[in-house]
Amino acid sequence: MSGLCNKFGCRAVCIAGSIIACAAFVLSTFSVNVNMLMLTYGVFGGIGFGMIYLPAVVLCGLYFEKKRSLATGIAVCGSGFGAFIFAPLANYLLQTFGGWKGANLFLAGVILNCAVFGALMRPLTYPKKNKQKPLMQRMYEEKRMQMERGSITGSYFTVTMPDG
């Protein structure tokens, strides 16, 4: 998945992963045997979830500089928290929708919402570097030029710059 992220960008990979995982969950409701269910739900769903998970962790490292480890830890913690809640949620969905097919269709809709979150993965725009030298460096250079011209007498000098 990291190769896909490098080639197409994290945003596109996450959106595509959401669509693939949603399609896998919808297709799993048409499974006639366990092998078909393992292929649709397990393999294709797993590929889709991998395409969602990796860009989220990669972009977390790119968005944060100072507290990168804390941000990445919170992002990775979300998958463990989701696994913790999934068992009671699945039980509730099974009771509400009267079977695993309805629950899978509901989960497919939830997974499709990851495309919206993928669309929020905007590329970073770095601020343009200021081509103006720092104030102290400009003051030093102005003082040196005045000393070379001989316009400074004594050890005190005054330099007025436009930005103060």
C-alpha atoms as a PDB file:
ATOM      1  CA  MET A   1       0.000   0.000   0.000  1.00  0.00           C
ATOM      2  CA  SER A   2       2.903   2.364   0.618  1.00  0.00           C
ATOM      3  CA  GLY A   3       3.909   2.031  -3.032  1.00  0.00           C
ATOM      4  CA  LEU A   4       0.384   3.017  -4.043  1.00  0.00           C
ATOM      5  CA  CYS A   5       0.534   5.977  -1.656  1.00  0.00           C
ATOM      6  CA  ASN A   6       3.809   7.112  -3.209  1.00  0.00           C
ATOM      7  CA  LYS A   7       2.430   6.800  -6.732  1.00  0.00           C
ATOM      8  CA  PHE A   8      -1.152   8.079  -6.373  1.00  0.00           C
ATOM      9  CA  GLY A   9      -1.160   9.948  -3.062  1.00  0.00           C
ATOM     10  CA  CYS A  10      -2.664   9.094   0.309  1.00  0.00           C
ATOM     11  CA  ARG A  11      -5.979  10.753  -0.437  1.00  0.00           C
ATOM     12  CA  ALA A  12      -6.726   8.688  -3.553  1.00  0.00           C
ATOM     13  CA  VAL A  13      -5.592   5.430  -1.935  1.00  0.00           C
ATOM     14  CA  CYS A  14      -7.807   5.984   1.118  1.00  0.00           C
ATOM     15  CA  ILE A  15     -10.864   6.793  -0.992  1.00  0.00           C
ATOM     16  CA  ALA A  16     -10.249   3.769  -3.227  1.00  0.00           C
ATOM     17  CA  GLY A  17      -9.761   1.567  -0.157  1.00  0.00           C
ATOM     18  CA  SER A  18     -13.061   2.742   1.260  1.00  0.00           C
ATOM     19  CA  ILE A  19     -14.867   1.896  -1.968  1.00  0.00           C
ATOM     20  CA  ILE A  20     -13.180  -1.518  -2.197  1.00  0.00           C
ATOM     21  CA  ALA A  21     -13.969  -2.403   1.430  1.00  0.00           C
ATOM     22  CA  CYS A  22     -17.575  -1.231   1.032  1.00  0.00           C
ATOM     23  CA  ALA A  23     -17.978  -3.304  -2.141  1.00  0.00           C
ATOM     24  CA  ALA A  24     -16.448  -6.325  -0.379  1.00  0.00           C
ATOM     25  CA  PHE A  25     -18.930  -6.071   2.486  1.00  0.00           C
ATOM     26  CA  VAL A  26     -21.865  -5.698   0.078  1.00  0.00           C
ATOM     27  CA  LEU A  27     -20.643  -8.648  -2.010  1.00  0.00           C
ATOM     28  CA  SER A  28     -20.263 -10.761   1.122  1.00  0.00           C
ATOM     29  CA  THR A  29     -24.027 -10.662   1.606  1.00  0.00           C
ATOM     30  CA  PHE A  30     -24.398 -12.606  -1.665  1.00  0.00           C
ATOM     31  CA  SER A  31     -22.040 -15.379  -0.544  1.00  0.00           C
ATOM     32  CA  VAL A  32     -23.380 -18.888  -0.994  1.00  0.00           C
ATOM     33  CA  ASN A  33     -20.627 -20.687   0.930  1.00  0.00           C
ATOM     34  CA  VAL A  34     -17.891 -20.008   3.449  1.00  0.00           C
ATOM     35  CA  ASN A  35     -15.104 -19.909   0.835  1.00  0.00           C
ATOM     36  CA  MET A  36     -16.871 -17.117  -1.020  1.00  0.00           C
ATOM     37  CA  LEU A  37     -17.401 -15.268   2.269  1.00  0.00           C
ATOM     38  CA  MET A  38     -13.706 -15.576   3.157  1.00  0.00           C
ATOM     39  CA  LEU A  39     -12.739 -14.225  -0.251  1.00  0.00           C
ATOM     40  CA  THR A  40     -15.083 -11.236  -0.256  1.00  0.00           C
ATOM     41  CA  TYR A  41     -15.178 -10.353   3.432  1.00  0.00           C
ATOM     42  CA  GLY A  42     -11.650 -11.431   4.361  1.00  0.00           C
ATOM     43  CA  VAL A  43      -9.400 -10.867   1.379  1.00  0.00           C
ATOM     44  CA  PHE A  44     -11.044  -7.980  -0.457  1.00  0.00           C
ATOM     45  CA  GLY A  45     -12.229  -6.353   2.773  1.00  0.00           C
ATOM     46  CA  GLY A  46      -8.734  -6.700   4.229  1.00  0.00           C
ATOM     47  CA  ILE A  47      -7.152  -5.099   1.170  1.00  0.00           C
ATOM     48  CA  GLY A  48      -9.621  -2.230   1.397  1.00  0.00           C
ATOM     49  CA  PHE A  49      -8.970  -1.724   5.103  1.00  0.00           C
ATOM     50  CA  GLY A  50      -5.220  -1.786   4.475  1.00  0.00           C
ATOM     51  CA  MET A  51      -5.712   0.939   1.891  1.00  0.00           C
ATOM     52  CA  ILE A  52      -7.582   3.005   4.496  1.00  0.00           C
ATOM     53  CA  TYR A  53      -5.294   2.384   7.480  1.00  0.00           C
ATOM     54  CA  LEU A  54      -1.849   3.005   5.991  1.00  0.00           C
ATOM     55  CA  PRO A  55      -2.508   6.472   4.502  1.00  0.00           C
ATOM     56  CA  ALA A  56      -4.049   7.594   7.799  1.00  0.00           C
ATOM     57  CA  VAL A  57      -0.928   6.647   9.743  1.00  0.00           C
ATOM     58  CA  VAL A  58       1.444   8.027   7.092  1.00  0.00           C
ATOM     59  CA  LEU A  59      -0.323  11.384   6.908  1.00  0.00           C
ATOM     60  CA  CYS A  60      -0.385  11.641  10.671  1.00  0.00           C
ATOM     61  CA  GLY A  61       3.399  11.595  10.596  1.00  0.00           C
ATOM     62  CA  LEU A  62       3.463  14.232   7.865  1.00  0.00           C
ATOM     63  CA  TYR A  63       0.953  16.628   9.441  1.00  0.00           C
ATOM     64  CA  PHE A  64       2.629  16.808  12.846  1.00  0.00           C
ATOM     65  CA  GLU A  65       6.227  17.775  13.524  1.00  0.00           C
ATOM     66  CA  LYS A  66       6.562  18.672  17.188  1.00  0.00           C
ATOM     67  CA  LYS A  67       4.303  16.035  18.768  1.00  0.00           C
ATOM     68  CA  ARG A  68       4.542  13.454  15.974  1.00  0.00           C
ATOM     69  CA  SER A  69       4.891  10.434  18.256  1.00  0.00           C
ATOM     70  CA  LEU A  70       1.858  11.432  20.337  1.00  0.00           C
ATOM     71  CA  ALA A  71      -0.274  12.031  17.215  1.00  0.00           C
ATOM     72  CA  THR A  72       0.781   8.733  15.665  1.00  0.00           C
ATOM     73  CA  GLY A  73       0.093   6.936  18.950  1.00  0.00           C
ATOM     74  CA  ILE A  74      -3.430   8.374  19.091  1.00  0.00           C
ATOM     75  CA  ALA A  75      -4.063   7.446  15.454  1.00  0.00           C
ATOM     76  CA  VAL A  76      -2.850   3.867  15.929  1.00  0.00           C
ATOM     77  CA  CYS A  77      -4.799   3.589  19.186  1.00  0.00           C
ATOM     78  CA  GLY A  78      -8.002   4.136  17.203  1.00  0.00           C
ATOM     79  CA  SER A  79      -7.759   0.716  15.559  1.00  0.00           C
ATOM     80  CA  GLY A  80      -7.455  -1.012  18.937  1.00  0.00           C
ATOM     81  CA  PHE A  81     -10.360   0.985  20.299  1.00  0.00           C
ATOM     82  CA  GLY A  82     -12.445   0.076  17.243  1.00  0.00           C
ATOM     83  CA  ALA A  83     -11.668  -3.622  17.722  1.00  0.00           C
ATOM     84  CA  PHE A  84     -12.705  -3.290  21.380  1.00  0.00           C
ATOM     85  CA  ILE A  85     -16.095  -1.802  20.466  1.00  0.00           C
ATOM     86  CA  PHE A  86     -16.731  -4.023  17.461  1.00  0.00           C
ATOM     87  CA  ALA A  87     -17.979  -7.110  19.374  1.00  0.00           C
ATOM     88  CA  PRO A  88     -20.805  -5.310  21.227  1.00  0.00           C
ATOM     89  CA  LEU A  89     -21.626  -3.297  18.095  1.00  0.00           C
ATOM     90  CA  ALA A  90     -21.811  -6.433  15.952  1.00  0.00           C
ATOM     91  CA  ASN A  91     -24.071  -8.090  18.522  1.00  0.00           C
ATOM     92  CA  TYR A  92     -26.351  -5.054  18.552  1.00  0.00           C
ATOM     93  CA  LEU A  93     -26.465  -4.892  14.733  1.00  0.00           C
ATOM     94  CA  LEU A  94     -27.266  -8.610  14.494  1.00  0.00           C
ATOM     95  CA  GLN A  95     -30.221  -8.154  16.847  1.00  0.00           C
ATOM     96  CA  THR A  96     -31.402  -4.948  15.173  1.00  0.00           C
ATOM     97  CA  PHE A  97     -31.227  -6.078  11.553  1.00  0.00           C
ATOM     98  CA  GLY A  98     -32.240  -9.681  12.159  1.00  0.00           C
ATOM     99  CA  GLY A  99     -29.173 -11.352  10.654  1.00  0.00           C
ATOM    100  CA  TRP A 100     -25.638 -11.002   9.443  1.00  0.00           C
ATOM    101  CA  LYS A 101     -26.597  -9.808   5.958  1.00  0.00           C
ATOM    102  CA  GLY A 102     -28.368  -6.699   7.203  1.00  0.00           C
ATOM    103  CA  ALA A 103     -25.560  -6.013   9.666  1.00  0.00           C
ATOM    104  CA  ASN A 104     -22.973  -6.295   6.873  1.00  0.00           C
ATOM    105  CA  LEU A 105     -24.937  -3.895   4.683  1.00  0.00           C
ATOM    106  CA  PHE A 106     -25.047  -1.400   7.543  1.00  0.00           C
ATOM    107  CA  LEU A 107     -21.298  -1.790   8.106  1.00  0.00           C
ATOM    108  CA  ALA A 108     -20.726  -1.294   4.370  1.00  0.00           C
ATOM    109  CA  GLY A 109     -22.433   2.074   4.672  1.00  0.00           C
ATOM    110  CA  VAL A 110     -20.272   2.981   7.642  1.00  0.00           C
ATOM    111  CA  ILE A 111     -17.144   1.941   5.738  1.00  0.00           C
ATOM    112  CA  LEU A 112     -18.169   4.068   2.763  1.00  0.00           C
ATOM    113  CA  ASN A 113     -18.019   7.086   5.073  1.00  0.00           C
ATOM    114  CA  CYS A 114     -14.251   6.569   5.158  1.00  0.00           C
ATOM    115  CA  ALA A 115     -14.237   8.002   1.634  1.00  0.00           C
ATOM    116  CA  VAL A 116     -15.393  11.294   3.132  1.00  0.00           C
ATOM    117  CA  PHE A 117     -12.580  11.171   5.670  1.00  0.00           C
ATOM    118  CA  GLY A 118     -10.165  10.289   2.880  1.00  0.00           C
ATOM    119  CA  ALA A 119     -11.296  13.384   0.992  1.00  0.00           C
ATOM    120  CA  LEU A 120     -10.287  15.417   4.046  1.00  0.00           C
ATOM    121  CA  MET A 121      -6.691  14.223   3.678  1.00  0.00           C
ATOM    122  CA  ARG A 122      -5.557  17.389   2.011  1.00  0.00           C
ATOM    123  CA  PRO A 123      -1.984  17.794   0.815  1.00  0.00           C
ATOM    124  CA  LEU A 124       0.142  20.105   2.876  1.00  0.00           C
ATOM    125  CA  THR A 125       1.091  23.502   1.506  1.00  0.00           C
ATOM    126  CA  TYR A 126       4.307  24.794   2.926  1.00  0.00           C
ATOM    127  CA  PRO A 127       4.619  28.545   3.491  1.00  0.00           C
ATOM    128  CA  LYS A 128       6.882  30.394   1.098  1.00  0.00           C
ATOM    129  CA  LYS A 129      10.245  31.176   2.542  1.00  0.00           C
ATOM    130  CA  ASN A 130      10.846  34.801   3.312  1.00  0.00           C
ATOM    131  CA  LYS A 131      13.672  35.990   1.077  1.00  0.00           C
ATOM    132  CA  GLN A 132      14.370  38.908   3.389  1.00  0.00           C
ATOM    133  CA  LYS A 133      17.303  38.450   5.751  1.00  0.00           C
ATOM    134  CA  PRO A 134      16.729  38.578   9.516  1.00  0.00           C
ATOM    135  CA  LEU A 135      16.693  42.027  11.114  1.00  0.00           C
ATOM    136  CA  MET A 136      19.912  41.586  13.109  1.00  0.00           C
ATOM    137  CA  GLN A 137      21.816  40.424  10.038  1.00  0.00           C
ATOM    138  CA  ARG A 138      20.575  43.404   8.026  1.00  0.00           C
ATOM    139  CA  MET A 139      21.557  45.766  10.881  1.00  0.00           C
ATOM    140  CA  TYR A 140      25.035  44.250  11.004  1.00  0.00           C
ATOM    141  CA  GLU A 141      25.493  44.630   7.252  1.00  0.00           C
ATOM    142  CA  GLU A 142      24.241  48.240   7.355  1.00  0.00           C
ATOM    143  CA  LYS A 143      26.672  49.049  10.190  1.00  0.00           C
ATOM    144  CA  ARG A 144      29.551  47.478   8.265  1.00  0.00           C
ATOM    145  CA  MET A 145      28.699  49.481   5.134  1.00  0.00           C
ATOM    146  CA  GLN A 146      28.542  52.720   7.165  1.00  0.00           C
ATOM    147  CA  MET A 147      31.897  51.938   8.775  1.00  0.00           C
ATOM    148  CA  GLU A 148      33.456  51.262   5.366  1.00  0.00           C
ATOM    149  CA  ARG A 149      32.161  54.602   4.083  1.00  0.00           C
ATOM    150  CA  GLY A 150      33.440  56.311   7.200  1.00  0.00           C
ATOM    151  CA  SER A 151      30.073  57.747   8.153  1.00  0.00           C
ATOM    152  CA  ILE A 152      30.142  56.407  11.722  1.00  0.00           C
ATOM    153  CA  THR A 153      32.164  58.255  14.353  1.00  0.00           C
ATOM    154  CA  GLY A 154      32.780  56.675  17.694  1.00  0.00           C
ATOM    155  CA  SER A 155      31.388  53.369  18.907  1.00  0.00           C
ATOM    156  CA  TYR A 156      27.689  54.289  18.780  1.00  0.00           C
ATOM    157  CA  PHE A 157      25.581  54.018  15.658  1.00  0.00           C
ATOM    158  CA  THR A 158      21.958  54.250  14.601  1.00  0.00           C
ATOM    159  CA  VAL A 159      20.434  52.063  11.945  1.00  0.00           C
ATOM    160  CA  THR A 160      16.840  52.606  10.873  1.00  0.00           C
ATOM    161  CA  MET A 161      15.190  49.740   9.051  1.00  0.00           C
ATOM    162  CA  PRO A 162      11.702  49.798   7.519  1.00  0.00           C
ATOM    163  CA  ASP A 163      10.456  47.065   9.878  1.00  0.00           C
ATOM    164  CA  GLY A 164      11.781  48.720  13.024  1.00  0.00           C
END
